[in-house]
Amino acid sequence: MKVKEVQKSLQLETVAGEKGLDKEVAGGYCGDLLSDVMANADHGALWFTTQAHQNIVAVAVLRELAGIVLVNGRVPDEETKAKAEEEGIPILLSPLPAYHLAGRLYELGIGRIEA
């Protein structure tokens, strides 16, 4: 499923990186500690975080993430949006917590492991 399909299904607002909305979402990752995300997020994951500063874009580029979802009503500053545009990293917004969004992503069939 592409980021733009997830964006629509989860009713997320796109504030930056629209040229990256065609990326495939391979899974999800919840985390606010940048070093943890750098060490553990899978390539193609949609990252749910409360962090809204410019360094989140660098981490998303480094890990080749599908996009970033700012949760709990967080909003990035203009510099962060500009960097996301430059790098083609979608930044999406939601008033919901990461727990709810990750569950809904899973319900869409993303990240399920077949036994």
PDB file of N, CA and C in Angstrom:
ATOM      1  N   MET A   1       0.848  -1.176   0.000  1.00  0.00           N
ATOM      2  CA  MET A   1       0.000   0.000   0.000  1.00  0.00           C
ATOM      3  C   MET A   1       0.895   1.241   0.000  1.00  0.00           C
ATOM      4  N   LYS A   2       0.503   2.228  -0.747  1.00  0.00           N
ATOM      5  CA  LYS A   2       1.282   3.454  -0.848  1.00  0.00           C
ATOM      6  C   LYS A   2       0.940   4.423   0.297  1.00  0.00           C
ATOM      7  N   VAL A   3       1.871   5.347   0.561  1.00  0.00           N
ATOM      8  CA  VAL A   3       1.664   6.338   1.626  1.00  0.00           C
ATOM      9  C   VAL A   3       0.364   7.090   1.406  1.00  0.00           C
ATOM     10  N   LYS A   4       0.081   7.486   0.164  1.00  0.00           N
ATOM     11  CA  LYS A   4      -1.137   8.269  -0.090  1.00  0.00           C
ATOM     12  C   LYS A   4      -2.394   7.476   0.237  1.00  0.00           C
ATOM     13  N   GLU A   5      -2.370   6.151   0.088  1.00  0.00           N
ATOM     14  CA  GLU A   5      -3.517   5.319   0.439  1.00  0.00           C
ATOM     15  C   GLU A   5      -3.676   5.229   1.955  1.00  0.00           C
ATOM     16  N   VAL A   6      -2.550   5.108   2.653  1.00  0.00           N
ATOM     17  CA  VAL A   6      -2.576   5.102   4.118  1.00  0.00           C
ATOM     18  C   VAL A   6      -3.055   6.454   4.621  1.00  0.00           C
ATOM     19  N   GLN A   7      -2.552   7.517   4.018  1.00  0.00           N
ATOM     20  CA  GLN A   7      -2.940   8.877   4.403  1.00  0.00           C
ATOM     21  C   GLN A   7      -4.451   9.040   4.330  1.00  0.00           C
ATOM     22  N   LYS A   8      -5.022   8.563   3.259  1.00  0.00           N
ATOM     23  CA  LYS A   8      -6.463   8.676   3.083  1.00  0.00           C
ATOM     24  C   LYS A   8      -7.216   7.789   4.077  1.00  0.00           C
ATOM     25  N   SER A   9      -6.784   6.551   4.242  1.00  0.00           N
ATOM     26  CA  SER A   9      -7.458   5.604   5.142  1.00  0.00           C
ATOM     27  C   SER A   9      -7.425   6.040   6.593  1.00  0.00           C
ATOM     28  N   LEU A  10      -6.303   6.614   7.016  1.00  0.00           N
ATOM     29  CA  LEU A  10      -6.139   7.026   8.412  1.00  0.00           C
ATOM     30  C   LEU A  10      -6.512   8.493   8.630  1.00  0.00           C
ATOM     31  N   GLN A  11      -6.962   9.156   7.583  1.00  0.00           N
ATOM     32  CA  GLN A  11      -7.371  10.561   7.643  1.00  0.00           C
ATOM     33  C   GLN A  11      -6.250  11.449   8.195  1.00  0.00           C
ATOM     34  N   LEU A  12      -5.073  11.309   7.595  1.00  0.00           N
ATOM     35  CA  LEU A  12      -3.912  12.083   7.988  1.00  0.00           C
ATOM     36  C   LEU A  12      -3.788  13.317   7.100  1.00  0.00           C
ATOM     37  N   GLU A  13      -3.333  14.404   7.688  1.00  0.00           N
ATOM     38  CA  GLU A  13      -3.101  15.635   6.938  1.00  0.00           C
ATOM     39  C   GLU A  13      -1.661  15.641   6.437  1.00  0.00           C
ATOM     40  N   THR A  14      -1.475  15.926   5.163  1.00  0.00           N
ATOM     41  CA  THR A  14      -0.134  16.019   4.581  1.00  0.00           C
ATOM     42  C   THR A  14       0.327  17.465   4.658  1.00  0.00           C
ATOM     43  N   VAL A  15       1.494  17.693   5.303  1.00  0.00           N
ATOM     44  CA  VAL A  15       2.010  19.059   5.411  1.00  0.00           C
ATOM     45  C   VAL A  15       3.338  19.254   4.691  1.00  0.00           C
ATOM     46  N   ALA A  16       3.944  18.163   4.225  1.00  0.00           N
ATOM     47  CA  ALA A  16       5.217  18.275   3.506  1.00  0.00           C
ATOM     48  C   ALA A  16       5.511  16.963   2.781  1.00  0.00           C
ATOM     49  N   GLY A  17       6.374  17.053   1.796  1.00  0.00           N
ATOM     50  CA  GLY A  17       6.875  15.869   1.116  1.00  0.00           C
ATOM     51  C   GLY A  17       5.887  15.157   0.216  1.00  0.00           C
ATOM     52  N   GLU A  18       5.006  15.910  -0.420  1.00  0.00           N
ATOM     53  CA  GLU A  18       3.977  15.291  -1.259  1.00  0.00           C
ATOM     54  C   GLU A  18       4.549  14.438  -2.385  1.00  0.00           C
ATOM     55  N   LYS A  19       5.754  14.765  -2.854  1.00  0.00           N
ATOM     56  CA  LYS A  19       6.316  13.958  -3.944  1.00  0.00           C
ATOM     57  C   LYS A  19       6.695  12.550  -3.475  1.00  0.00           C
ATOM     58  N   GLY A  20       6.686  12.316  -2.177  1.00  0.00           N
ATOM     59  CA  GLY A  20       6.982  10.983  -1.643  1.00  0.00           C
ATOM     60  C   GLY A  20       5.747  10.158  -1.326  1.00  0.00           C
ATOM     61  N   LEU A  21       4.568  10.655  -1.653  1.00  0.00           N
ATOM     62  CA  LEU A  21       3.333   9.947  -1.310  1.00  0.00           C
ATOM     63  C   LEU A  21       3.133   8.649  -2.087  1.00  0.00           C
ATOM     64  N   ASP A  22       3.916   8.424  -3.123  1.00  0.00           N
ATOM     65  CA  ASP A  22       3.807   7.185  -3.888  1.00  0.00           C
ATOM     66  C   ASP A  22       4.734   6.089  -3.370  1.00  0.00           C
ATOM     67  N   LYS A  23       5.444   6.338  -2.285  1.00  0.00           N
ATOM     68  CA  LYS A  23       6.304   5.308  -1.695  1.00  0.00           C
ATOM     69  C   LYS A  23       5.450   4.187  -1.114  1.00  0.00           C
ATOM     70  N   GLU A  24       5.971   2.978  -1.174  1.00  0.00           N
ATOM     71  CA  GLU A  24       5.294   1.822  -0.599  1.00  0.00           C
ATOM     72  C   GLU A  24       5.557   1.769   0.907  1.00  0.00           C
ATOM     73  N   VAL A  25       4.521   1.471   1.669  1.00  0.00           N
ATOM     74  CA  VAL A  25       4.635   1.326   3.120  1.00  0.00           C
ATOM     75  C   VAL A  25       4.783  -0.165   3.428  1.00  0.00           C
ATOM     76  N   ALA A  26       5.914  -0.531   4.007  1.00  0.00           N
ATOM     77  CA  ALA A  26       6.204  -1.937   4.295  1.00  0.00           C
ATOM     78  C   ALA A  26       5.864  -2.321   5.730  1.00  0.00           C
ATOM     79  N   GLY A  27       5.677  -1.333   6.583  1.00  0.00           N
ATOM     80  CA  GLY A  27       5.405  -1.607   7.991  1.00  0.00           C
ATOM     81  C   GLY A  27       5.274  -0.298   8.742  1.00  0.00           C
ATOM     82  N   GLY A  28       5.314  -0.388  10.041  1.00  0.00           N
ATOM     83  CA  GLY A  28       5.225   0.794  10.878  1.00  0.00           C
ATOM     84  C   GLY A  28       6.245   0.731  11.990  1.00  0.00           C
ATOM     85  N   TYR A  29       6.551   1.892  12.556  1.00  0.00           N
ATOM     86  CA  TYR A  29       7.459   1.950  13.698  1.00  0.00           C
ATOM     87  C   TYR A  29       7.034   3.094  14.600  1.00  0.00           C
ATOM     88  N   CYS A  30       6.894   2.822  15.882  1.00  0.00           N
ATOM     89  CA  CYS A  30       6.559   3.835  16.881  1.00  0.00           C
ATOM     90  C   CYS A  30       7.787   4.093  17.736  1.00  0.00           C
ATOM     91  N   GLY A  31       8.193   5.340  17.834  1.00  0.00           N
ATOM     92  CA  GLY A  31       9.334   5.654  18.683  1.00  0.00           C
ATOM     93  C   GLY A  31       9.664   7.128  18.631  1.00  0.00           C
ATOM     94  N   ASP A  32      10.143   7.634  19.757  1.00  0.00           N
ATOM     95  CA  ASP A  32      10.511   9.036  19.862  1.00  0.00           C
ATOM     96  C   ASP A  32      12.003   9.244  20.110  1.00  0.00           C
ATOM     97  N   LEU A  33      12.720   8.179  20.367  1.00  0.00           N
ATOM     98  CA  LEU A  33      14.159   8.262  20.582  1.00  0.00           C
ATOM     99  C   LEU A  33      14.843   8.045  19.236  1.00  0.00           C
ATOM    100  N   LEU A  34      15.470   9.071  18.707  1.00  0.00           N
ATOM    101  CA  LEU A  34      16.023   9.010  17.362  1.00  0.00           C
ATOM    102  C   LEU A  34      17.021   7.874  17.187  1.00  0.00           C
ATOM    103  N   SER A  35      17.860   7.635  18.169  1.00  0.00           N
ATOM    104  CA  SER A  35      18.841   6.554  18.055  1.00  0.00           C
ATOM    105  C   SER A  35      18.166   5.190  17.979  1.00  0.00           C
ATOM    106  N   ASP A  36      17.038   5.029  18.662  1.00  0.00           N
ATOM    107  CA  ASP A  36      16.285   3.789  18.588  1.00  0.00           C
ATOM    108  C   ASP A  36      15.710   3.588  17.188  1.00  0.00           C
ATOM    109  N   VAL A  37      15.162   4.636  16.621  1.00  0.00           N
ATOM    110  CA  VAL A  37      14.606   4.555  15.273  1.00  0.00           C
ATOM    111  C   VAL A  37      15.714   4.243  14.270  1.00  0.00           C
ATOM    112  N   MET A  38      16.855   4.894  14.413  1.00  0.00           N
ATOM    113  CA  MET A  38      17.986   4.637  13.518  1.00  0.00           C
ATOM    114  C   MET A  38      18.459   3.193  13.600  1.00  0.00           C
ATOM    115  N   ALA A  39      18.394   2.618  14.776  1.00  0.00           N
ATOM    116  CA  ALA A  39      18.878   1.249  14.964  1.00  0.00           C
ATOM    117  C   ALA A  39      17.847   0.185  14.606  1.00  0.00           C
ATOM    118  N   ASN A  40      16.561   0.505  14.705  1.00  0.00           N
ATOM    119  CA  ASN A  40      15.560  -0.558  14.636  1.00  0.00           C
ATOM    120  C   ASN A  40      14.450  -0.424  13.600  1.00  0.00           C
ATOM    121  N   ALA A  41      14.205   0.741  13.065  1.00  0.00           N
ATOM    122  CA  ALA A  41      13.121   0.896  12.087  1.00  0.00           C
ATOM    123  C   ALA A  41      13.511   0.232  10.774  1.00  0.00           C
ATOM    124  N   ASP A  42      12.595  -0.527  10.210  1.00  0.00           N
ATOM    125  CA  ASP A  42      12.833  -1.187   8.932  1.00  0.00           C
ATOM    126  C   ASP A  42      12.668  -0.204   7.784  1.00  0.00           C
ATOM    127  N   HIS A  43      13.415  -0.440   6.715  1.00  0.00           N
ATOM    128  CA  HIS A  43      13.260   0.355   5.497  1.00  0.00           C
ATOM    129  C   HIS A  43      11.806   0.244   5.038  1.00  0.00           C
ATOM    130  N   GLY A  44      11.253   1.350   4.604  1.00  0.00           N
ATOM    131  CA  GLY A  44       9.880   1.367   4.118  1.00  0.00           C
ATOM    132  C   GLY A  44       8.823   1.519   5.192  1.00  0.00           C
ATOM    133  N   ALA A  45       9.239   1.658   6.440  1.00  0.00           N
ATOM    134  CA  ALA A  45       8.275   1.804   7.540  1.00  0.00           C
ATOM    135  C   ALA A  45       7.703   3.219   7.560  1.00  0.00           C
ATOM    136  N   LEU A  46       6.494   3.322   8.060  1.00  0.00           N
ATOM    137  CA  LEU A  46       5.873   4.604   8.364  1.00  0.00           C
ATOM    138  C   LEU A  46       6.136   4.855   9.844  1.00  0.00           C
ATOM    139  N   TRP A  47       6.779   5.972  10.161  1.00  0.00           N
ATOM    140  CA  TRP A  47       7.250   6.246  11.522  1.00  0.00           C
ATOM    141  C   TRP A  47       6.263   7.145  12.252  1.00  0.00           C
ATOM    142  N   PHE A  48       5.758   6.664  13.386  1.00  0.00           N
ATOM    143  CA  PHE A  48       4.859   7.424  14.256  1.00  0.00           C
ATOM    144  C   PHE A  48       5.665   8.005  15.406  1.00  0.00           C
ATOM    145  N   THR A  49       5.628   9.332  15.563  1.00  0.00           N
ATOM    146  CA  THR A  49       6.453   9.982  16.578  1.00  0.00           C
ATOM    147  C   THR A  49       5.835  11.296  17.058  1.00  0.00           C
ATOM    148  N   THR A  50       6.262  11.715  18.246  1.00  0.00           N
ATOM    149  CA  THR A  50       5.899  13.041  18.747  1.00  0.00           C
ATOM    150  C   THR A  50       6.973  14.073  18.394  1.00  0.00           C
ATOM    151  N   GLN A  51       8.137  13.608  17.955  1.00  0.00           N
ATOM    152  CA  GLN A  51       9.230  14.522  17.600  1.00  0.00           C
ATOM    153  C   GLN A  51       8.840  15.303  16.353  1.00  0.00           C
ATOM    154  N   ALA A  52       9.080  16.609  16.360  1.00  0.00           N
ATOM    155  CA  ALA A  52       8.659  17.437  15.232  1.00  0.00           C
ATOM    156  C   ALA A  52       9.778  18.350  14.712  1.00  0.00           C
ATOM    157  N   HIS A  53      11.012  18.098  15.113  1.00  0.00           N
ATOM    158  CA  HIS A  53      12.131  18.954  14.708  1.00  0.00           C
ATOM    159  C   HIS A  53      12.813  18.413  13.448  1.00  0.00           C
ATOM    160  N   GLN A  54      13.719  19.181  12.919  1.00  0.00           N
ATOM    161  CA  GLN A  54      14.352  18.893  11.635  1.00  0.00           C
ATOM    162  C   GLN A  54      15.107  17.557  11.599  1.00  0.00           C
ATOM    163  N   ASN A  55      15.616  17.088  12.705  1.00  0.00           N
ATOM    164  CA  ASN A  55      16.392  15.845  12.709  1.00  0.00           C
ATOM    165  C   ASN A  55      15.565  14.615  12.334  1.00  0.00           C
ATOM    166  N   ILE A  56      14.233  14.690  12.458  1.00  0.00           N
ATOM    167  CA  ILE A  56      13.418  13.534  12.084  1.00  0.00           C
ATOM    168  C   ILE A  56      13.531  13.255  10.587  1.00  0.00           C
ATOM    169  N   VAL A  57      13.708  14.294   9.799  1.00  0.00           N
ATOM    170  CA  VAL A  57      13.839  14.105   8.352  1.00  0.00           C
ATOM    171  C   VAL A  57      15.146  13.394   8.040  1.00  0.00           C
ATOM    172  N   ALA A  58      16.215  13.767   8.709  1.00  0.00           N
ATOM    173  CA  ALA A  58      17.507  13.112   8.492  1.00  0.00           C
ATOM    174  C   ALA A  58      17.439  11.631   8.851  1.00  0.00           C
ATOM    175  N   VAL A  59      16.751  11.310   9.938  1.00  0.00           N
ATOM    176  CA  VAL A  59      16.603   9.909  10.339  1.00  0.00           C
ATOM    177  C   VAL A  59      15.775   9.147   9.303  1.00  0.00           C
ATOM    178  N   ALA A  60      14.708   9.762   8.816  1.00  0.00           N
ATOM    179  CA  ALA A  60      13.866   9.113   7.802  1.00  0.00           C
ATOM    180  C   ALA A  60      14.645   8.847   6.519  1.00  0.00           C
ATOM    181  N   VAL A  61      15.488   9.772   6.130  1.00  0.00           N
ATOM    182  CA  VAL A  61      16.322   9.583   4.933  1.00  0.00           C
ATOM    183  C   VAL A  61      17.323   8.457   5.179  1.00  0.00           C
ATOM    184  N   LEU A  62      17.991   8.496   6.320  1.00  0.00           N
ATOM    185  CA  LEU A  62      18.993   7.486   6.662  1.00  0.00           C
ATOM    186  C   LEU A  62      18.408   6.076   6.645  1.00  0.00           C
ATOM    187  N   ARG A  63      17.213   5.900   7.193  1.00  0.00           N
ATOM    188  CA  ARG A  63      16.583   4.576   7.292  1.00  0.00           C
ATOM    189  C   ARG A  63      15.687   4.257   6.094  1.00  0.00           C
ATOM    190  N   GLU A  64      15.630   5.181   5.135  1.00  0.00           N
ATOM    191  CA  GLU A  64      14.798   4.991   3.945  1.00  0.00           C
ATOM    192  C   GLU A  64      13.351   4.674   4.333  1.00  0.00           C
ATOM    193  N   LEU A  65      12.801   5.502   5.223  1.00  0.00           N
ATOM    194  CA  LEU A  65      11.429   5.323   5.693  1.00  0.00           C
ATOM    195  C   LEU A  65      10.444   5.849   4.653  1.00  0.00           C
ATOM    196  N   ALA A  66       9.243   5.300   4.670  1.00  0.00           N
ATOM    197  CA  ALA A  66       8.206   5.718   3.730  1.00  0.00           C
ATOM    198  C   ALA A  66       7.675   7.099   4.073  1.00  0.00           C
ATOM    199  N   GLY A  67       7.686   7.445   5.345  1.00  0.00           N
ATOM    200  CA  GLY A  67       7.188   8.738   5.768  1.00  0.00           C
ATOM    201  C   GLY A  67       7.162   8.853   7.274  1.00  0.00           C
ATOM    202  N   ILE A  68       6.777  10.035   7.726  1.00  0.00           N
ATOM    203  CA  ILE A  68       6.723  10.350   9.155  1.00  0.00           C
ATOM    204  C   ILE A  68       5.310  10.802   9.489  1.00  0.00           C
ATOM    205  N   VAL A  69       4.750  10.253  10.565  1.00  0.00           N
ATOM    206  CA  VAL A  69       3.447  10.689  11.058  1.00  0.00           C
ATOM    207  C   VAL A  69       3.657  11.325  12.424  1.00  0.00           C
ATOM    208  N   LEU A  70       3.367  12.617  12.519  1.00  0.00           N
ATOM    209  CA  LEU A  70       3.441  13.307  13.804  1.00  0.00           C
ATOM    210  C   LEU A  70       2.110  13.096  14.509  1.00  0.00           C
ATOM    211  N   VAL A  71       2.179  12.552  15.706  1.00  0.00           N
ATOM    212  CA  VAL A  71       0.987  12.160  16.453  1.00  0.00           C
ATOM    213  C   VAL A  71       0.667  13.176  17.544  1.00  0.00           C
ATOM    214  N   ASN A  72      -0.488  12.970  18.192  1.00  0.00           N
ATOM    215  CA  ASN A  72      -0.910  13.812  19.326  1.00  0.00           C
ATOM    216  C   ASN A  72      -0.995  15.293  18.970  1.00  0.00           C
ATOM    217  N   GLY A  73      -1.316  15.582  17.715  1.00  0.00           N
ATOM    218  CA  GLY A  73      -1.490  16.972  17.312  1.00  0.00           C
ATOM    219  C   GLY A  73      -0.213  17.766  17.128  1.00  0.00           C
ATOM    220  N   ARG A  74       0.933  17.095  17.093  1.00  0.00           N
ATOM    221  CA  ARG A  74       2.206  17.815  16.900  1.00  0.00           C
ATOM    222  C   ARG A  74       2.271  18.380  15.486  1.00  0.00           C
ATOM    223  N   VAL A  75       2.984  19.519  15.348  1.00  0.00           N
ATOM    224  CA  VAL A  75       3.119  20.200  14.063  1.00  0.00           C
ATOM    225  C   VAL A  75       4.590  20.573  13.874  1.00  0.00           C
ATOM    226  N   PRO A  76       5.154  20.304  12.689  1.00  0.00           N
ATOM    227  CA  PRO A  76       6.557  20.655  12.455  1.00  0.00           C
ATOM    228  C   PRO A  76       6.732  22.143  12.176  1.00  0.00           C
ATOM    229  N   ASP A  77       7.931  22.645  12.429  1.00  0.00           N
ATOM    230  CA  ASP A  77       8.225  24.035  12.094  1.00  0.00           C
ATOM    231  C   ASP A  77       8.505  24.152  10.589  1.00  0.00           C
ATOM    232  N   GLU A  78       8.646  25.358  10.117  1.00  0.00           N
ATOM    233  CA  GLU A  78       8.825  25.605   8.682  1.00  0.00           C
ATOM    234  C   GLU A  78      10.125  24.998   8.149  1.00  0.00           C
ATOM    235  N   GLU A  79      11.196  25.024   8.952  1.00  0.00           N
ATOM    236  CA  GLU A  79      12.467  24.453   8.511  1.00  0.00           C
ATOM    237  C   GLU A  79      12.350  22.936   8.314  1.00  0.00           C
ATOM    238  N   THR A  80      11.615  22.293   9.201  1.00  0.00           N
ATOM    239  CA  THR A  80      11.415  20.843   9.090  1.00  0.00           C
ATOM    240  C   THR A  80      10.600  20.527   7.844  1.00  0.00           C
ATOM    241  N   LYS A  81       9.564  21.299   7.591  1.00  0.00           N
ATOM    242  CA  LYS A  81       8.749  21.094   6.386  1.00  0.00           C
ATOM    243  C   LYS A  81       9.594  21.297   5.129  1.00  0.00           C
ATOM    244  N   ALA A  82      10.419  22.332   5.128  1.00  0.00           N
ATOM    245  CA  ALA A  82      11.261  22.613   3.959  1.00  0.00           C
ATOM    246  C   ALA A  82      12.245  21.473   3.704  1.00  0.00           C
ATOM    247  N   LYS A  83      12.838  20.941   4.762  1.00  0.00           N
ATOM    248  CA  LYS A  83      13.785  19.823   4.621  1.00  0.00           C
ATOM    249  C   LYS A  83      13.060  18.581   4.106  1.00  0.00           C
ATOM    250  N   ALA A  84      11.857  18.323   4.595  1.00  0.00           N
ATOM    251  CA  ALA A  84      11.077  17.168   4.132  1.00  0.00           C
ATOM    252  C   ALA A  84      10.727  17.317   2.653  1.00  0.00           C
ATOM    253  N   GLU A  85      10.378  18.525   2.228  1.00  0.00           N
ATOM    254  CA  GLU A  85      10.093  18.776   0.814  1.00  0.00           C
ATOM    255  C   GLU A  85      11.332  18.482  -0.028  1.00  0.00           C
ATOM    256  N   GLU A  86      12.466  18.991   0.426  1.00  0.00           N
ATOM    257  CA  GLU A  86      13.733  18.807  -0.292  1.00  0.00           C
ATOM    258  C   GLU A  86      14.086  17.327  -0.432  1.00  0.00           C
ATOM    259  N   GLU A  87      13.840  16.551   0.606  1.00  0.00           N
ATOM    260  CA  GLU A  87      14.217  15.135   0.630  1.00  0.00           C
ATOM    261  C   GLU A  87      13.114  14.204   0.118  1.00  0.00           C
ATOM    262  N   GLY A  88      11.920  14.737  -0.112  1.00  0.00           N
ATOM    263  CA  GLY A  88      10.819  13.894  -0.572  1.00  0.00           C
ATOM    264  C   GLY A  88      10.284  12.953   0.485  1.00  0.00           C
ATOM    265  N   ILE A  89      10.343  13.385   1.741  1.00  0.00           N
ATOM    266  CA  ILE A  89       9.840  12.593   2.865  1.00  0.00           C
ATOM    267  C   ILE A  89       8.484  13.150   3.286  1.00  0.00           C
ATOM    268  N   PRO A  90       7.414  12.374   3.117  1.00  0.00           N
ATOM    269  CA  PRO A  90       6.109  12.868   3.557  1.00  0.00           C
ATOM    270  C   PRO A  90       6.051  13.051   5.075  1.00  0.00           C
ATOM    271  N   ILE A  91       5.514  14.187   5.482  1.00  0.00           N
ATOM    272  CA  ILE A  91       5.189  14.411   6.890  1.00  0.00           C
ATOM    273  C   ILE A  91       3.674  14.537   6.966  1.00  0.00           C
ATOM    274  N   LEU A  92       3.084  13.656   7.764  1.00  0.00           N
ATOM    275  CA  LEU A  92       1.640  13.578   7.931  1.00  0.00           C
ATOM    276  C   LEU A  92       1.299  13.872   9.378  1.00  0.00           C
ATOM    277  N   LEU A  93       0.111  14.425   9.609  1.00  0.00           N
ATOM    278  CA  LEU A  93      -0.295  14.824  10.961  1.00  0.00           C
ATOM    279  C   LEU A  93      -1.561  14.109  11.391  1.00  0.00           C
ATOM    280  N   SER A  94      -1.633  13.831  12.705  1.00  0.00           N
ATOM    281  CA  SER A  94      -2.844  13.261  13.281  1.00  0.00           C
ATOM    282  C   SER A  94      -2.992  13.738  14.721  1.00  0.00           C
ATOM    283  N   PRO A  95      -4.236  13.956  15.159  1.00  0.00           N
ATOM    284  CA  PRO A  95      -4.466  14.283  16.560  1.00  0.00           C
ATOM    285  C   PRO A  95      -4.425  13.034  17.446  1.00  0.00           C
ATOM    286  N   LEU A  96      -4.422  11.854  16.832  1.00  0.00           N
ATOM    287  CA  LEU A  96      -4.474  10.594  17.582  1.00  0.00           C
ATOM    288  C   LEU A  96      -3.096  10.183  18.102  1.00  0.00           C
ATOM    289  N   PRO A  97      -3.062   9.336  19.140  1.00  0.00           N
ATOM    290  CA  PRO A  97      -1.789   8.817  19.627  1.00  0.00           C
ATOM    291  C   PRO A  97      -1.240   7.717  18.711  1.00  0.00           C
ATOM    292  N   ALA A  98       0.043   7.481  18.818  1.00  0.00           N
ATOM    293  CA  ALA A  98       0.724   6.473  17.995  1.00  0.00           C
ATOM    294  C   ALA A  98       0.096   5.097  18.147  1.00  0.00           C
ATOM    295  N   TYR A  99      -0.301   4.733  19.344  1.00  0.00           N
ATOM    296  CA  TYR A  99      -0.888   3.418  19.617  1.00  0.00           C
ATOM    297  C   TYR A  99      -2.104   3.165  18.729  1.00  0.00           C
ATOM    298  N   HIS A 100      -2.992   4.123  18.654  1.00  0.00           N
ATOM    299  CA  HIS A 100      -4.205   3.981  17.838  1.00  0.00           C
ATOM    300  C   HIS A 100      -3.866   3.900  16.348  1.00  0.00           C
ATOM    301  N   LEU A 101      -2.968   4.754  15.899  1.00  0.00           N
ATOM    302  CA  LEU A 101      -2.615   4.777  14.484  1.00  0.00           C
ATOM    303  C   LEU A 101      -1.897   3.503  14.059  1.00  0.00           C
ATOM    304  N   ALA A 102      -1.007   3.007  14.909  1.00  0.00           N
ATOM    305  CA  ALA A 102      -0.308   1.763  14.580  1.00  0.00           C
ATOM    306  C   ALA A 102      -1.290   0.599  14.492  1.00  0.00           C
ATOM    307  N   GLY A 103      -2.260   0.576  15.372  1.00  0.00           N
ATOM    308  CA  GLY A 103      -3.283  -0.469  15.323  1.00  0.00           C
ATOM    309  C   GLY A 103      -4.097  -0.392  14.049  1.00  0.00           C
ATOM    310  N   ARG A 104      -4.426   0.808  13.644  1.00  0.00           N
ATOM    311  CA  ARG A 104      -5.197   0.981  12.403  1.00  0.00           C
ATOM    312  C   ARG A 104      -4.364   0.616  11.180  1.00  0.00           C
ATOM    313  N   LEU A 105      -3.066   0.903  11.212  1.00  0.00           N
ATOM    314  CA  LEU A 105      -2.173   0.509  10.126  1.00  0.00           C
ATOM    315  C   LEU A 105      -2.135  -1.015  10.012  1.00  0.00           C
ATOM    316  N   TYR A 106      -2.051  -1.670  11.147  1.00  0.00           N
ATOM    317  CA  TYR A 106      -2.052  -3.133  11.192  1.00  0.00           C
ATOM    318  C   TYR A 106      -3.366  -3.685  10.633  1.00  0.00           C
ATOM    319  N   GLU A 107      -4.482  -3.045  10.980  1.00  0.00           N
ATOM    320  CA  GLU A 107      -5.793  -3.476  10.471  1.00  0.00           C
ATOM    321  C   GLU A 107      -5.858  -3.365   8.952  1.00  0.00           C
ATOM    322  N   LEU A 108      -5.085  -2.450   8.360  1.00  0.00           N
ATOM    323  CA  LEU A 108      -5.034  -2.321   6.910  1.00  0.00           C
ATOM    324  C   LEU A 108      -4.223  -3.454   6.270  1.00  0.00           C
ATOM    325  N   GLY A 109      -3.619  -4.290   7.115  1.00  0.00           N
ATOM    326  CA  GLY A 109      -2.821  -5.405   6.611  1.00  0.00           C
ATOM    327  C   GLY A 109      -1.349  -5.107   6.460  1.00  0.00           C
ATOM    328  N   ILE A 110      -0.918  -3.943   6.912  1.00  0.00           N
ATOM    329  CA  ILE A 110       0.486  -3.567   6.790  1.00  0.00           C
ATOM    330  C   ILE A 110       1.246  -4.020   8.033  1.00  0.00           C
ATOM    331  N   GLY A 111       2.297  -4.784   7.808  1.00  0.00           N
ATOM    332  CA  GLY A 111       3.135  -5.253   8.903  1.00  0.00           C
ATOM    333  C   GLY A 111       2.706  -6.577   9.508  1.00  0.00           C
ATOM    334  N   ARG A 112       1.675  -7.202   8.956  1.00  0.00           N
ATOM    335  CA  ARG A 112       1.230  -8.492   9.482  1.00  0.00           C
ATOM    336  C   ARG A 112       2.220  -9.577   9.094  1.00  0.00           C
ATOM    337  N   ILE A 113       2.447 -10.440  10.023  1.00  0.00           N
ATOM    338  CA  ILE A 113       3.328 -11.587   9.785  1.00  0.00           C
ATOM    339  C   ILE A 113       2.457 -12.822   9.674  1.00  0.00           C
ATOM    340  N   GLU A 114       2.547 -13.472   8.532  1.00  0.00           N
ATOM    341  CA  GLU A 114       1.735 -14.683   8.312  1.00  0.00           C
ATOM    342  C   GLU A 114       2.440 -15.875   8.948  1.00  0.00           C
ATOM    343  N   ALA A 115       1.665 -16.667   9.701  1.00  0.00           N
ATOM    344  CA  ALA A 115       2.235 -17.852  10.373  1.00  0.00           C
ATOM    345  C   ALA A 115       2.280 -19.022   9.424  1.00  0.00           C
TER     346      ALA A 115
END
